[in-house]
Amino acid sequence: MFAFHLDSPVGRRIAEPVLAVLLAATVVNESEIPFGTVLGPVWAPVTILVPGLLALSVLVGVLARGLRLGSAVLGSGDRIQPGDAVVTRILASVVLGSLAVFTLWWVVATLYVHYLAETGGVSPSIWALLFGGGLGALVLVRAVFFQLFPEGPLSRLRGPSVE
């Protein structure tokens, strides 16, 4: 049906920056204009679900990397991809994975408060947007960083000089 699936690394590499840019546009353009129009009932769930979709995509990538590294350590397969064992990628996975879990927790809490609970008070949707925005910024930084340094920043120091 589609040319790529979101469970593939290529699909996630495309979907995550797109979701991050969409999330940044949502956070920057957070105004009362969409809420007063016909798009109002659709706009509120979208602002909550975009951070959740980004967090789910990041978590799928982190879990896939963890399973590949675990299978390489246990010797049960040759699924490891180039660059999986680089320290900066492992560190990025830990940081992004923990922030993605926290963002997803706030998204679920926001959906629960808005649609299931009969409570009043202040909506927690601001936290989902803030942590989702931070996650989106880090996803974009990760994409640029690993485009510049696919094998980590220290690989450039170890390689032979071109000059």
Protein backbone atom coordinates (compact mmCIF):
# COMPACT_ATOMS: atom_id res chain seq x y z
CA MET A 1 0.00 0.00 0.00
CA PHE A 2 2.71 2.49 1.00
CA ALA A 3 6.24 2.63 -0.38
CA PHE A 4 7.70 2.36 3.12
CA HIS A 5 6.52 1.12 6.49
CA LEU A 6 7.01 3.09 9.69
CA ASP A 7 8.62 0.07 11.33
CA SER A 8 11.50 0.27 8.86
CA PRO A 9 14.50 2.47 9.68
CA VAL A 10 14.08 4.43 6.44
CA GLY A 11 10.46 5.20 7.24
CA ARG A 12 11.35 6.37 10.75
CA ARG A 13 14.21 8.51 9.44
CA ILE A 14 11.70 10.28 7.24
CA ALA A 15 8.76 10.33 9.67
CA GLU A 16 10.62 11.55 12.77
CA PRO A 17 11.98 14.82 11.30
CA VAL A 18 8.62 15.49 9.62
CA LEU A 19 6.81 14.99 12.93
CA ALA A 20 9.40 17.13 14.71
CA VAL A 21 8.93 20.00 12.26
CA LEU A 22 5.14 19.62 12.48
CA LEU A 23 5.41 19.69 16.27
CA ALA A 24 7.58 22.81 16.14
CA ALA A 25 5.05 24.49 13.87
CA THR A 26 2.28 23.49 16.28
CA VAL A 27 4.11 24.88 19.30
CA VAL A 28 5.10 28.11 17.55
CA ASN A 29 1.64 28.65 16.04
CA GLU A 30 -0.25 27.90 19.25
CA SER A 31 -2.86 30.61 19.09
CA GLU A 32 -6.59 31.05 19.54
CA ILE A 33 -7.21 31.40 15.79
CA PRO A 34 -7.62 27.66 15.03
CA PHE A 35 -9.75 27.11 18.13
CA GLY A 36 -12.35 29.66 17.05
CA THR A 37 -12.81 28.20 13.56
CA VAL A 38 -14.26 24.99 12.21
CA LEU A 39 -10.89 23.29 12.77
CA GLY A 40 -11.16 23.82 16.54
CA PRO A 41 -12.45 20.33 17.44
CA VAL A 42 -9.74 18.77 15.26
CA TRP A 43 -6.88 21.09 16.27
CA ALA A 44 -6.84 20.20 20.00
CA PRO A 45 -6.38 16.41 19.50
CA VAL A 46 -3.76 17.01 16.81
CA THR A 47 -1.69 19.13 19.17
CA ILE A 48 -1.82 16.28 21.66
CA LEU A 49 -1.29 13.38 19.24
CA VAL A 50 1.70 14.75 17.29
CA PRO A 51 4.03 14.55 20.33
CA GLY A 52 2.66 11.07 21.03
CA LEU A 53 3.34 9.86 17.49
CA LEU A 54 6.85 11.28 17.61
CA ALA A 55 7.48 9.62 20.99
CA LEU A 56 6.20 6.27 19.69
CA SER A 57 8.41 6.50 16.62
CA VAL A 58 11.48 7.28 18.73
CA LEU A 59 10.66 4.43 21.13
CA VAL A 60 10.33 1.94 18.26
CA GLY A 61 13.77 2.99 17.00
CA VAL A 62 15.33 2.77 20.46
CA LEU A 63 13.84 -0.65 21.11
CA ALA A 64 14.95 -1.91 17.69
CA ARG A 65 18.51 -0.71 18.33
CA GLY A 66 18.47 -2.33 21.77
CA LEU A 67 17.29 -5.64 20.34
CA ARG A 68 19.96 -5.55 17.63
CA LEU A 69 22.68 -4.81 20.18
CA GLY A 70 21.34 -7.47 22.52
CA SER A 71 21.33 -10.09 19.78
CA ALA A 72 24.90 -9.14 18.85
CA VAL A 73 26.05 -9.43 22.47
CA LEU A 74 24.33 -12.80 22.92
CA GLY A 75 25.63 -13.99 19.55
CA SER A 76 22.19 -15.06 18.37
CA GLY A 77 22.23 -13.20 15.10
CA ASP A 78 23.95 -10.85 12.74
CA ARG A 79 21.28 -8.16 12.78
CA ILE A 80 23.59 -5.35 13.89
CA GLN A 81 23.81 -2.46 11.48
CA PRO A 82 26.81 -0.22 10.86
CA GLY A 83 27.04 2.43 13.54
CA ASP A 84 24.81 0.64 16.08
CA ALA A 85 27.64 0.08 18.55
CA VAL A 86 28.94 3.65 18.42
CA VAL A 87 28.90 5.21 21.90
CA THR A 88 27.25 8.43 20.71
CA ARG A 89 24.38 6.50 19.12
CA ILE A 90 23.86 4.46 22.28
CA LEU A 91 23.92 7.62 24.39
CA ALA A 92 21.48 9.33 22.01
CA SER A 93 19.19 6.31 22.23
CA VAL A 94 19.20 6.40 26.03
CA VAL A 95 18.51 10.15 26.20
CA LEU A 96 15.89 10.19 23.46
CA GLY A 97 14.27 7.01 24.75
CA SER A 98 13.86 8.36 28.27
CA LEU A 99 12.48 11.68 26.98
CA ALA A 100 10.14 9.79 24.63
CA VAL A 101 8.77 7.71 27.51
CA PHE A 102 8.20 10.86 29.56
CA THR A 103 6.52 12.61 26.61
CA LEU A 104 4.32 9.62 25.92
CA TRP A 105 3.33 9.51 29.58
CA TRP A 106 2.19 13.15 29.43
CA VAL A 107 0.32 12.53 26.17
CA VAL A 108 -1.58 9.61 27.70
CA ALA A 109 -2.28 11.65 30.84
CA THR A 110 -3.57 14.53 28.73
CA LEU A 111 -5.83 12.27 26.69
CA TYR A 112 -7.13 10.70 29.88
CA VAL A 113 -7.89 14.06 31.49
CA HIS A 114 -9.52 15.50 28.37
CA TYR A 115 -11.63 12.57 27.24
CA LEU A 116 -12.09 10.07 30.10
CA ALA A 117 -11.89 11.81 33.44
CA GLU A 118 -14.60 14.07 34.79
CA THR A 119 -12.17 16.55 36.30
CA GLY A 120 -11.77 20.25 36.16
CA GLY A 121 -8.78 22.47 36.44
CA VAL A 122 -5.80 23.16 34.26
CA SER A 123 -5.16 20.90 31.29
CA PRO A 124 -1.84 19.03 31.29
CA SER A 125 -1.58 19.39 27.50
CA ILE A 126 1.08 22.09 27.88
CA TRP A 127 3.47 19.49 29.33
CA ALA A 128 2.93 17.14 26.40
CA LEU A 129 3.68 20.00 24.02
CA LEU A 130 6.75 21.18 25.94
CA PHE A 131 8.36 17.78 26.34
CA GLY A 132 7.31 16.84 22.81
CA GLY A 133 8.89 20.05 21.53
CA GLY A 134 12.12 19.22 23.34
CA LEU A 135 12.01 15.71 21.92
CA GLY A 136 11.40 17.12 18.44
CA ALA A 137 14.36 19.49 18.75
CA LEU A 138 16.63 16.65 19.91
CA VAL A 139 15.42 14.43 17.05
CA LEU A 140 16.36 17.14 14.55
CA VAL A 141 19.76 17.66 16.22
CA ARG A 142 20.33 13.88 16.16
CA ALA A 143 19.45 13.70 12.46
CA VAL A 144 21.90 16.49 11.59
CA PHE A 145 24.61 15.17 13.93
CA PHE A 146 24.55 11.62 12.57
CA GLN A 147 24.37 12.92 9.02
CA LEU A 148 27.65 14.75 9.67
CA PHE A 149 29.21 11.99 11.79
CA PRO A 150 27.70 8.60 10.78
CA GLU A 151 30.28 6.62 12.78
CA GLY A 152 30.58 9.12 15.63
CA PRO A 153 32.69 12.27 15.99
CA LEU A 154 35.83 10.39 17.03
CA SER A 155 35.91 8.41 13.77
CA ARG A 156 37.01 11.56 11.94
CA LEU A 157 40.01 11.89 14.25
CA ARG A 158 41.09 8.28 13.75
CA GLY A 159 40.79 8.25 9.97
CA PRO A 160 43.58 9.26 7.60
CA SER A 161 43.80 12.91 6.74
CA VAL A 162 42.72 13.92 3.27
CA GLU A 163 45.09 16.87 3.13
